[in-house]
Amino acid sequence: MQERIDHLKKVYQAISEAAAIARRSPDEIRLVGVAKHQPATLIREFRRAGLVDIGESYVQEFLDKYEELKDDAIEWHFIGHLQSNKVKYIIDKVRWIHSVDSVKLAEEIQRQAVKQNIARINILLQINVGGEESKSGTGPDEAIALYRAVKGFDRLAVRGLMAIPPFLEPEEVRPYFRQLRELRDRIIREEQADPRHFTELSMGMSGDFDVAIEEGATMIRLGTILFGERD
């Protein structure tokens, strides 16, 4: 267990150093451990070492782990592509859904929240900043229309934006992080999104989280640097 604690401390120290360079407080940045294809036993070890937020990408894998770890006080984030017909299985188990990319999906989350008596669920709008056909997300030009369509759903707390930019060198990906931050700020400015609540930028992974922090990330999704290579 001490090994996990020491490793987690090193990751938090790297986050603090990146925040210091950006003249930000590390308290503004939430570490989400991306645990897809990692065993529940390893997640539990990191939870006991102090990691609270865990992200999963596949519904069935998440459900299996949830059953094993439901007593471990984990704050679960669903970060992968989510089909509307799978919402009912996770809506009462996750705290955050990062990957809302359509009105249809938002409507189903709202419907299931009402059906299962869930007062509010935090969502992020997924933006395909690179325009890649292989990735989910609405285009930046359509993001404001999506925000307008879902902001009135009373069971959804629309908390910000999420992106998975192209896999490039850290400095090459910086403009995509900046684009996401500017889009969030534009929605606050033009759509009167509440700046106290529409705050989140879920961006940055193991290879580029320091640049993401410099560009304003409030959630970084770290897998390899935290858990090691996946099987």
Protein backbone atom coordinates (compact mmCIF):
# COMPACT_ATOMS: atom_id res chain seq x y z
CA MET A 1 0.00 0.00 0.00
CA GLN A 2 2.84 2.42 0.77
CA GLU A 3 4.02 1.99 -2.83
CA ARG A 4 0.62 3.21 -4.10
CA ILE A 5 0.62 6.13 -1.68
CA ASP A 6 4.11 7.18 -2.76
CA HIS A 7 3.24 6.92 -6.44
CA LEU A 8 0.04 8.92 -6.03
CA LYS A 9 2.01 11.59 -4.16
CA LYS A 10 4.41 11.85 -7.11
CA VAL A 11 1.53 12.33 -9.54
CA TYR A 12 -0.02 15.01 -7.35
CA GLN A 13 3.38 16.69 -7.10
CA ALA A 14 3.64 16.75 -10.90
CA ILE A 15 0.18 18.34 -11.02
CA SER A 16 1.20 20.93 -8.43
CA GLU A 17 4.34 21.79 -10.39
CA ALA A 18 2.35 22.25 -13.60
CA ALA A 19 -0.16 24.42 -11.73
CA ALA A 20 2.64 26.55 -10.28
CA ILE A 21 4.03 27.21 -13.77
CA ALA A 22 0.55 28.29 -14.84
CA ARG A 23 0.17 30.41 -11.67
CA ARG A 24 -2.85 28.39 -10.65
CA SER A 25 -3.81 26.62 -7.44
CA PRO A 26 -3.57 22.81 -7.66
CA ASP A 27 -6.85 22.77 -5.74
CA GLU A 28 -8.55 23.88 -8.97
CA ILE A 29 -7.58 20.63 -10.71
CA ARG A 30 -9.32 17.32 -10.19
CA LEU A 31 -7.41 14.12 -10.93
CA VAL A 32 -9.61 11.49 -12.58
CA GLY A 33 -7.96 8.09 -12.73
CA VAL A 34 -8.78 6.43 -16.06
CA ALA A 35 -9.16 2.79 -15.12
CA LYS A 36 -10.43 1.10 -18.28
CA HIS A 37 -9.01 -2.42 -18.59
CA GLN A 38 -7.50 -2.13 -15.11
CA PRO A 39 -8.60 -4.62 -12.43
CA ALA A 40 -10.89 -3.65 -9.59
CA THR A 41 -8.23 -4.74 -7.09
CA LEU A 42 -5.84 -2.08 -8.40
CA ILE A 43 -8.53 0.60 -8.29
CA ARG A 44 -9.24 -0.32 -4.67
CA GLU A 45 -5.56 0.02 -3.79
CA PHE A 46 -5.44 3.52 -5.24
CA ARG A 47 -8.73 4.44 -3.56
CA ARG A 48 -7.26 3.43 -0.22
CA ALA A 49 -4.18 5.50 -1.08
CA GLY A 50 -6.43 8.54 -1.45
CA LEU A 51 -7.66 8.67 -5.06
CA VAL A 52 -11.39 9.48 -5.10
CA ASP A 53 -12.33 10.05 -8.77
CA ILE A 54 -12.32 7.12 -11.20
CA GLY A 55 -13.23 7.26 -14.88
CA GLU A 56 -14.57 4.38 -16.94
CA SER A 57 -15.26 4.16 -20.67
CA TYR A 58 -17.28 0.99 -21.24
CA VAL A 59 -20.65 0.34 -19.67
CA GLN A 60 -20.35 -3.38 -18.98
CA GLU A 61 -16.83 -3.09 -17.63
CA PHE A 62 -17.96 -0.25 -15.40
CA LEU A 63 -20.95 -2.21 -14.09
CA ASP A 64 -18.76 -5.19 -13.21
CA LYS A 65 -16.32 -2.99 -11.30
CA TYR A 66 -19.08 -1.00 -9.65
CA GLU A 67 -20.53 -4.13 -8.08
CA GLU A 68 -17.14 -5.06 -6.68
CA LEU A 69 -16.25 -1.55 -5.51
CA LYS A 70 -19.60 -0.02 -4.56
CA ASP A 71 -18.65 0.18 -0.88
CA ASP A 72 -15.39 2.02 -1.54
CA ALA A 73 -16.80 5.59 -1.71
CA ILE A 74 -15.60 6.20 -5.25
CA GLU A 75 -16.83 9.18 -7.26
CA TRP A 76 -17.41 7.60 -10.66
CA HIS A 77 -17.04 9.44 -13.96
CA PHE A 78 -18.28 7.96 -17.23
CA ILE A 79 -15.87 9.30 -19.84
CA GLY A 80 -16.44 7.10 -22.88
CA HIS A 81 -18.94 7.23 -25.72
CA LEU A 82 -22.37 6.55 -24.24
CA GLN A 83 -25.24 5.09 -26.23
CA SER A 84 -28.71 6.29 -25.30
CA ASN A 85 -29.93 2.76 -24.63
CA LYS A 86 -27.20 2.25 -22.00
CA VAL A 87 -27.99 5.34 -19.91
CA LYS A 88 -30.48 3.49 -17.71
CA TYR A 89 -27.77 1.14 -16.47
CA ILE A 90 -25.38 3.81 -15.17
CA ILE A 91 -27.52 6.84 -14.32
CA ASP A 92 -27.86 5.94 -10.64
CA LYS A 93 -24.21 4.94 -10.24
CA VAL A 94 -22.10 7.72 -11.73
CA ARG A 95 -21.62 11.27 -10.49
CA TRP A 96 -20.35 12.70 -13.79
CA ILE A 97 -21.00 11.99 -17.47
CA HIS A 98 -18.28 13.63 -19.56
CA SER A 99 -19.43 12.55 -23.00
CA VAL A 100 -22.77 14.21 -23.77
CA ASP A 101 -22.53 14.98 -27.48
CA SER A 102 -26.15 15.20 -28.67
CA VAL A 103 -29.59 16.43 -27.66
CA LYS A 104 -30.85 12.86 -28.00
CA LEU A 105 -28.41 11.62 -25.36
CA ALA A 106 -29.19 14.53 -23.04
CA GLU A 107 -32.91 13.86 -23.39
CA GLU A 108 -32.40 10.23 -22.40
CA ILE A 109 -30.29 11.18 -19.39
CA GLN A 110 -33.05 13.57 -18.34
CA ARG A 111 -35.73 10.91 -18.88
CA GLN A 112 -33.88 8.27 -16.88
CA ALA A 113 -33.07 10.73 -14.10
CA VAL A 114 -36.79 11.45 -13.75
CA LYS A 115 -37.67 7.77 -13.96
CA GLN A 116 -35.10 6.74 -11.35
CA ASN A 117 -35.75 9.76 -9.11
CA ILE A 118 -32.28 11.29 -9.44
CA ALA A 119 -32.37 14.96 -8.57
CA ARG A 120 -29.36 16.15 -10.59
CA ILE A 121 -26.47 14.64 -12.49
CA ASN A 122 -23.37 16.50 -13.59
CA ILE A 123 -22.73 16.46 -17.33
CA LEU A 124 -20.08 17.84 -19.65
CA LEU A 125 -20.61 18.53 -23.33
CA GLN A 126 -18.10 16.61 -25.42
CA ILE A 127 -16.53 18.71 -28.17
CA ASN A 128 -14.67 17.17 -31.11
CA VAL A 129 -12.06 19.92 -31.29
CA GLY A 130 -10.02 18.16 -33.96
CA GLY A 131 -12.91 17.33 -36.26
CA GLU A 132 -11.82 13.68 -36.29
CA GLU A 133 -14.29 11.20 -37.72
CA SER A 134 -12.97 8.49 -35.40
CA LYS A 135 -13.96 10.42 -32.27
CA SER A 136 -17.29 11.32 -30.73
CA GLY A 137 -18.32 14.83 -29.86
CA THR A 138 -20.19 17.71 -31.37
CA GLY A 139 -18.30 20.18 -33.50
CA PRO A 140 -17.18 23.47 -31.95
CA ASP A 141 -19.55 25.36 -34.24
CA GLU A 142 -22.51 23.30 -32.99
CA ALA A 143 -21.56 23.48 -29.30
CA ILE A 144 -23.54 26.60 -28.51
CA ALA A 145 -26.69 25.15 -30.09
CA LEU A 146 -26.23 21.99 -28.00
CA TYR A 147 -25.80 24.07 -24.84
CA ARG A 148 -28.96 26.04 -25.61
CA ALA A 149 -30.91 22.82 -26.17
CA VAL A 150 -29.94 21.14 -22.89
CA LYS A 151 -29.41 23.97 -20.40
CA GLY A 152 -33.06 23.96 -19.35
CA PHE A 153 -33.26 20.26 -18.45
CA ASP A 154 -33.97 20.33 -14.74
CA ARG A 155 -32.21 17.04 -13.91
CA LEU A 156 -28.98 17.96 -15.72
CA ALA A 157 -26.30 20.17 -14.22
CA VAL A 158 -24.38 21.30 -17.31
CA ARG A 159 -21.00 21.92 -15.74
CA GLY A 160 -18.65 22.53 -18.68
CA LEU A 161 -16.90 20.95 -21.64
CA MET A 162 -14.79 17.90 -22.40
CA ALA A 163 -12.51 17.05 -25.31
CA ILE A 164 -10.19 14.34 -26.57
CA PRO A 165 -7.94 16.23 -28.98
CA PRO A 166 -5.76 14.63 -31.66
CA PHE A 167 -2.90 12.50 -30.37
CA LEU A 168 0.01 14.86 -30.97
CA GLU A 169 3.06 16.10 -29.13
CA PRO A 170 2.09 18.21 -26.10
CA GLU A 171 2.93 21.58 -27.66
CA GLU A 172 1.12 20.62 -30.85
CA VAL A 173 -2.04 19.85 -28.89
CA ARG A 174 -1.97 23.13 -26.97
CA PRO A 175 -4.15 25.01 -29.52
CA TYR A 176 -6.92 22.44 -29.07
CA PHE A 177 -6.89 22.88 -25.29
CA ARG A 178 -6.96 26.63 -25.78
CA GLN A 179 -9.87 26.31 -28.19
CA LEU A 180 -11.89 24.40 -25.60
CA ARG A 181 -11.20 27.04 -22.93
CA GLU A 182 -12.17 29.84 -25.28
CA LEU A 183 -15.36 27.99 -26.20
CA ARG A 184 -16.32 27.64 -22.54
CA ASP A 185 -15.66 31.32 -21.99
CA ARG A 186 -17.72 32.19 -25.05
CA ILE A 187 -20.68 30.20 -23.74
CA ILE A 188 -20.42 32.04 -20.43
CA ARG A 189 -20.22 35.38 -22.20
CA GLU A 190 -22.80 34.91 -24.96
CA GLU A 191 -25.23 32.45 -23.38
CA GLN A 192 -25.09 33.77 -19.82
CA ALA A 193 -23.98 30.41 -18.45
CA ASP A 194 -23.38 30.83 -14.74
CA PRO A 195 -19.59 31.21 -14.33
CA ARG A 196 -19.87 29.79 -10.81
CA HIS A 197 -21.16 26.47 -12.16
CA PHE A 198 -20.19 26.26 -15.85
CA THR A 199 -16.55 25.94 -14.89
CA GLU A 200 -15.23 22.55 -15.93
CA LEU A 201 -12.73 21.74 -18.66
CA SER A 202 -12.07 18.00 -18.83
CA MET A 203 -8.94 17.79 -20.95
CA GLY A 204 -5.42 16.46 -20.71
CA MET A 205 -4.10 12.92 -20.37
CA SER A 206 -0.88 11.28 -19.23
CA GLY A 207 1.28 12.68 -22.03
CA ASP A 208 0.05 16.25 -22.06
CA PHE A 209 -1.65 17.06 -18.76
CA ASP A 210 0.88 19.77 -17.91
CA VAL A 211 0.03 21.70 -21.07
CA ALA A 212 -3.69 21.16 -20.41
CA ILE A 213 -3.28 22.62 -16.93
CA GLU A 214 -1.46 25.64 -18.39
CA GLU A 215 -4.45 26.14 -20.71
CA GLY A 216 -7.03 25.92 -17.94
CA ALA A 217 -7.94 22.26 -17.38
CA THR A 218 -10.01 21.65 -14.26
CA MET A 219 -10.16 17.87 -14.73
CA ILE A 220 -7.29 15.81 -16.08
CA ARG A 221 -7.89 12.20 -17.05
CA LEU A 222 -4.79 10.15 -16.25
CA GLY A 223 -4.45 6.45 -16.98
CA THR A 224 -0.97 5.19 -17.88
CA ILE A 225 0.98 7.56 -15.64
CA LEU A 226 -1.15 6.46 -12.70
CA PHE A 227 -2.01 2.80 -13.20
CA GLY A 228 0.68 1.73 -15.67
CA GLU A 229 0.25 0.23 -19.10
CA ARG A 230 -2.98 -1.64 -19.75
CA ASP A 231 -3.00 -5.34 -20.52
